[in-house]
C-alpha cells in the first residue's frame, strides 16, 4: 500500500510542476538578437534574409528582432552601403537595426555618415549581452 501512496504523491507533484511551468502564453513574443560584425554584403544579406523569414514564419506581430552591428559590420550601415535599401526595408518592417557607437568612434564615423534608418547603441557587445539577459535568443549568421 505504501508504494501506491508514494506513486500518487509523485504524480500529484508532477501535475503541480507541470501546471507551474505551463507553456509560454500566446501573447508573449519570440525575441531574437542578430550579430553582424563582418563588413560583408553576403553576411548582411543572410542576416536580413533570416530576419525577414522569421517575421514571415512566426508573424511580424509575434516577434521582436534586433540586428546589432559592430566592428567591421558597421561598414554596411554607412550611407553609401550596397545593402542600404534592404536595411531600410527591414527597419520599415519592424526590425530594429542598430550601430555600435564605440565602433563608429573607432572608425571616425558620425551619424551623418550612416543610413538614416538605423538606431544607435553605446556598445554593440553590451547590447547583445543585455538582450540575452532579457531572454532574447542569439544568432550570428
C-alpha atoms as a PDB file:
ATOM      1  CA  UNK A   1       0.000   0.000   0.000  1.00  0.00           C
ATOM      2  CA  UNK A   2       2.791   2.401   0.791  1.00  0.00           C
ATOM      3  CA  UNK A   3       4.045   2.018  -2.743  1.00  0.00           C
ATOM      4  CA  UNK A   4       0.738   3.217  -4.270  1.00  0.00           C
ATOM      5  CA  UNK A   5       0.552   6.220  -1.942  1.00  0.00           C
ATOM      6  CA  UNK A   6       4.060   7.285  -2.985  1.00  0.00           C
ATOM      7  CA  UNK A   7       3.143   6.967  -6.684  1.00  0.00           C
ATOM      8  CA  UNK A   8       0.021   9.075  -6.143  1.00  0.00           C
ATOM      9  CA  UNK A   9       2.043  11.683  -4.290  1.00  0.00           C
ATOM     10  CA  UNK A  10       4.680  11.669  -7.020  1.00  0.00           C
ATOM     11  CA  UNK A  11       2.062  12.026  -9.730  1.00  0.00           C
ATOM     12  CA  UNK A  12       0.317  14.873  -7.931  1.00  0.00           C
ATOM     13  CA  UNK A  13       3.707  16.577  -7.607  1.00  0.00           C
ATOM     14  CA  UNK A  14       4.273  16.209 -11.343  1.00  0.00           C
ATOM     15  CA  UNK A  15       0.867  17.686 -12.056  1.00  0.00           C
ATOM     16  CA  UNK A  16       1.681  20.672  -9.835  1.00  0.00           C
ATOM     17  CA  UNK A  17       5.097  21.040 -11.528  1.00  0.00           C
ATOM     18  CA  UNK A  18       3.526  20.834 -14.995  1.00  0.00           C
ATOM     19  CA  UNK A  19       0.985  23.478 -14.012  1.00  0.00           C
ATOM     20  CA  UNK A  20       3.683  25.749 -12.586  1.00  0.00           C
ATOM     21  CA  UNK A  21       5.746  25.507 -15.771  1.00  0.00           C
ATOM     22  CA  UNK A  22       2.915  25.948 -18.239  1.00  0.00           C
ATOM     23  CA  UNK A  23       3.851  26.809 -21.821  1.00  0.00           C
ATOM     24  CA  UNK A  24       4.507  30.436 -22.737  1.00  0.00           C
ATOM     25  CA  UNK A  25       1.305  32.343 -23.325  1.00  0.00           C
ATOM     26  CA  UNK A  26       0.466  33.205 -26.933  1.00  0.00           C
ATOM     27  CA  UNK A  27       0.715  36.922 -26.079  1.00  0.00           C
ATOM     28  CA  UNK A  28       4.447  36.595 -25.355  1.00  0.00           C
ATOM     29  CA  UNK A  29       6.658  37.454 -28.298  1.00  0.00           C
ATOM     30  CA  UNK A  30       9.578  35.489 -29.638  1.00  0.00           C
ATOM     31  CA  UNK A  31      12.781  37.542 -29.304  1.00  0.00           C
ATOM     32  CA  UNK A  32      15.996  37.334 -31.320  1.00  0.00           C
ATOM     33  CA  UNK A  33      19.121  39.467 -31.477  1.00  0.00           C
ATOM     34  CA  UNK A  34      21.329  39.038 -34.535  1.00  0.00           C
ATOM     35  CA  UNK A  35      25.017  39.973 -34.535  1.00  0.00           C
ATOM     36  CA  UNK A  36      26.681  41.287 -37.692  1.00  0.00           C
ATOM     37  CA  UNK A  37      30.336  42.136 -37.213  1.00  0.00           C
ATOM     38  CA  UNK A  38      31.563  41.483 -40.771  1.00  0.00           C
ATOM     39  CA  UNK A  39      31.893  44.126 -43.477  1.00  0.00           C
ATOM     40  CA  UNK A  40      30.485  41.671 -45.981  1.00  0.00           C
ATOM     41  CA  UNK A  41      27.324  42.225 -48.014  1.00  0.00           C
ATOM     42  CA  UNK A  42      26.737  38.453 -48.219  1.00  0.00           C
ATOM     43  CA  UNK A  43      26.659  38.210 -44.393  1.00  0.00           C
ATOM     44  CA  UNK A  44      24.363  41.218 -44.205  1.00  0.00           C
ATOM     45  CA  UNK A  45      22.030  39.760 -46.817  1.00  0.00           C
ATOM     46  CA  UNK A  46      21.967  36.485 -44.880  1.00  0.00           C
ATOM     47  CA  UNK A  47      21.139  38.293 -41.625  1.00  0.00           C
ATOM     48  CA  UNK A  48      18.421  40.342 -43.338  1.00  0.00           C
ATOM     49  CA  UNK A  49      17.002  37.214 -45.009  1.00  0.00           C
ATOM     50  CA  UNK A  50      16.982  35.386 -41.658  1.00  0.00           C
ATOM     51  CA  UNK A  51      15.099  38.252 -40.006  1.00  0.00           C
ATOM     52  CA  UNK A  52      12.596  38.534 -42.867  1.00  0.00           C
ATOM     53  CA  UNK A  53      11.973  34.766 -42.848  1.00  0.00           C
ATOM     54  CA  UNK A  54      11.441  34.760 -39.085  1.00  0.00           C
ATOM     55  CA  UNK A  55       8.843  37.524 -39.442  1.00  0.00           C
ATOM     56  CA  UNK A  56       7.155  35.506 -42.177  1.00  0.00           C
ATOM     57  CA  UNK A  57       7.247  32.209 -40.269  1.00  0.00           C
ATOM     58  CA  UNK A  58       6.078  33.403 -36.842  1.00  0.00           C
ATOM     59  CA  UNK A  59       4.292  36.609 -37.871  1.00  0.00           C
ATOM     60  CA  UNK A  60       5.580  40.171 -37.520  1.00  0.00           C
ATOM     61  CA  UNK A  61       3.339  40.793 -34.520  1.00  0.00           C
ATOM     62  CA  UNK A  62       4.766  37.765 -32.707  1.00  0.00           C
ATOM     63  CA  UNK A  63       8.470  38.557 -32.803  1.00  0.00           C
ATOM     64  CA  UNK A  64      10.933  41.228 -31.684  1.00  0.00           C
ATOM     65  CA  UNK A  65      14.038  41.290 -33.870  1.00  0.00           C
ATOM     66  CA  UNK A  66      17.155  43.377 -33.455  1.00  0.00           C
ATOM     67  CA  UNK A  67      20.249  43.375 -35.646  1.00  0.00           C
ATOM     68  CA  UNK A  68      23.318  44.732 -33.859  1.00  0.00           C
ATOM     69  CA  UNK A  69      26.270  45.868 -35.989  1.00  0.00           C
ATOM     70  CA  UNK A  70      29.705  46.471 -34.541  1.00  0.00           C
ATOM     71  CA  UNK A  71      33.344  46.345 -35.598  1.00  0.00           C
ATOM     72  CA  UNK A  72      33.727  45.946 -39.359  1.00  0.00           C
ATOM     73  CA  UNK A  73      29.965  45.250 -39.622  1.00  0.00           C
ATOM     74  CA  UNK A  74      29.385  48.993 -39.244  1.00  0.00           C
ATOM     75  CA  UNK A  75      30.587  49.451 -42.833  1.00  0.00           C
ATOM     76  CA  UNK A  76      27.329  48.087 -44.231  1.00  0.00           C
ATOM     77  CA  UNK A  77      25.378  50.730 -42.311  1.00  0.00           C
ATOM     78  CA  UNK A  78      27.141  53.648 -43.971  1.00  0.00           C
ATOM     79  CA  UNK A  79      25.011  55.904 -46.152  1.00  0.00           C
ATOM     80  CA  UNK A  80      26.504  54.530 -49.385  1.00  0.00           C
ATOM     81  CA  UNK A  81      26.122  50.871 -48.323  1.00  0.00           C
ATOM     82  CA  UNK A  82      25.268  48.336 -51.000  1.00  0.00           C
ATOM     83  CA  UNK A  83      22.677  46.828 -48.631  1.00  0.00           C
ATOM     84  CA  UNK A  84      21.265  50.193 -47.575  1.00  0.00           C
ATOM     85  CA  UNK A  85      17.919  49.701 -49.327  1.00  0.00           C
ATOM     86  CA  UNK A  86      17.459  46.306 -47.680  1.00  0.00           C
ATOM     87  CA  UNK A  87      18.329  47.720 -44.260  1.00  0.00           C
ATOM     88  CA  UNK A  88      15.738  50.476 -44.741  1.00  0.00           C
ATOM     89  CA  UNK A  89      13.128  47.866 -45.776  1.00  0.00           C
ATOM     90  CA  UNK A  90      13.947  45.781 -42.694  1.00  0.00           C
ATOM     91  CA  UNK A  91      13.532  48.769 -40.385  1.00  0.00           C
ATOM     92  CA  UNK A  92      10.271  49.670 -42.113  1.00  0.00           C
ATOM     93  CA  UNK A  93       9.005  46.117 -41.490  1.00  0.00           C
ATOM     94  CA  UNK A  94       9.669  46.415 -37.752  1.00  0.00           C
ATOM     95  CA  UNK A  95      13.194  45.017 -37.460  1.00  0.00           C
ATOM     96  CA  UNK A  96      15.388  47.178 -35.262  1.00  0.00           C
ATOM     97  CA  UNK A  97      18.860  47.761 -36.744  1.00  0.00           C
ATOM     98  CA  UNK A  98      21.413  49.424 -34.505  1.00  0.00           C
ATOM     99  CA  UNK A  99      25.004  50.580 -34.895  1.00  0.00           C
ATOM    100  CA  UNK A 100      27.623  50.446 -32.143  1.00  0.00           C
ATOM    101  CA  UNK A 101      28.801  53.955 -31.292  1.00  0.00           C
ATOM    102  CA  UNK A 102      32.123  52.605 -29.956  1.00  0.00           C
ATOM    103  CA  UNK A 103      32.860  51.123 -33.390  1.00  0.00           C
ATOM    104  CA  UNK A 104      31.738  54.317 -35.080  1.00  0.00           C
ATOM    105  CA  UNK A 105      34.135  56.368 -32.937  1.00  0.00           C
ATOM    106  CA  UNK A 106      36.994  53.942 -33.641  1.00  0.00           C
ATOM    107  CA  UNK A 107      36.307  54.255 -37.374  1.00  0.00           C
ATOM    108  CA  UNK A 108      35.860  58.051 -37.140  1.00  0.00           C
ATOM    109  CA  UNK A 109      32.236  57.859 -38.304  1.00  0.00           C
ATOM    110  CA  UNK A 110      29.421  60.183 -37.271  1.00  0.00           C
ATOM    111  CA  UNK A 111      25.675  59.751 -37.539  1.00  0.00           C
ATOM    112  CA  UNK A 112      25.845  61.894 -40.680  1.00  0.00           C
ATOM    113  CA  UNK A 113      27.894  59.097 -42.303  1.00  0.00           C
ATOM    114  CA  UNK A 114      25.255  56.481 -41.582  1.00  0.00           C
ATOM    115  CA  UNK A 115      21.975  55.317 -43.102  1.00  0.00           C
ATOM    116  CA  UNK A 116      19.143  57.459 -41.772  1.00  0.00           C
ATOM    117  CA  UNK A 117      17.040  54.420 -40.831  1.00  0.00           C
ATOM    118  CA  UNK A 118      19.385  52.906 -38.235  1.00  0.00           C
ATOM    119  CA  UNK A 119      19.409  53.378 -34.495  1.00  0.00           C
ATOM    120  CA  UNK A 120      22.386  53.560 -32.159  1.00  0.00           C
ATOM    121  CA  UNK A 121      23.627  51.853 -29.020  1.00  0.00           C
ATOM    122  CA  UNK A 122      26.665  52.882 -26.969  1.00  0.00           C
ATOM    123  CA  UNK A 123      28.289  49.429 -27.210  1.00  0.00           C
ATOM    124  CA  UNK A 124      27.191  46.631 -29.555  1.00  0.00           C
ATOM    125  CA  UNK A 125      28.570  43.772 -27.474  1.00  0.00           C
ATOM    126  CA  UNK A 126      26.920  45.127 -24.332  1.00  0.00           C
ATOM    127  CA  UNK A 127      23.629  45.464 -26.252  1.00  0.00           C
ATOM    128  CA  UNK A 128      23.802  41.800 -27.265  1.00  0.00           C
ATOM    129  CA  UNK A 129      24.649  40.758 -23.708  1.00  0.00           C
ATOM    130  CA  UNK A 130      21.703  42.723 -22.292  1.00  0.00           C
ATOM    131  CA  UNK A 131      19.300  41.377 -24.899  1.00  0.00           C
ATOM    132  CA  UNK A 132      20.315  37.837 -23.971  1.00  0.00           C
ATOM    133  CA  UNK A 133      19.726  38.668 -20.290  1.00  0.00           C
ATOM    134  CA  UNK A 134      16.233  39.815 -21.325  1.00  0.00           C
ATOM    135  CA  UNK A 135      15.506  36.428 -22.887  1.00  0.00           C
ATOM    136  CA  UNK A 136      16.480  37.100 -26.493  1.00  0.00           C
ATOM    137  CA  UNK A 137      17.863  34.185 -28.470  1.00  0.00           C
ATOM    138  CA  UNK A 138      21.171  34.936 -30.224  1.00  0.00           C
ATOM    139  CA  UNK A 139      22.138  34.375 -33.843  1.00  0.00           C
ATOM    140  CA  UNK A 140      25.326  35.135 -35.710  1.00  0.00           C
ATOM    141  CA  UNK A 141      24.895  34.212 -39.375  1.00  0.00           C
END
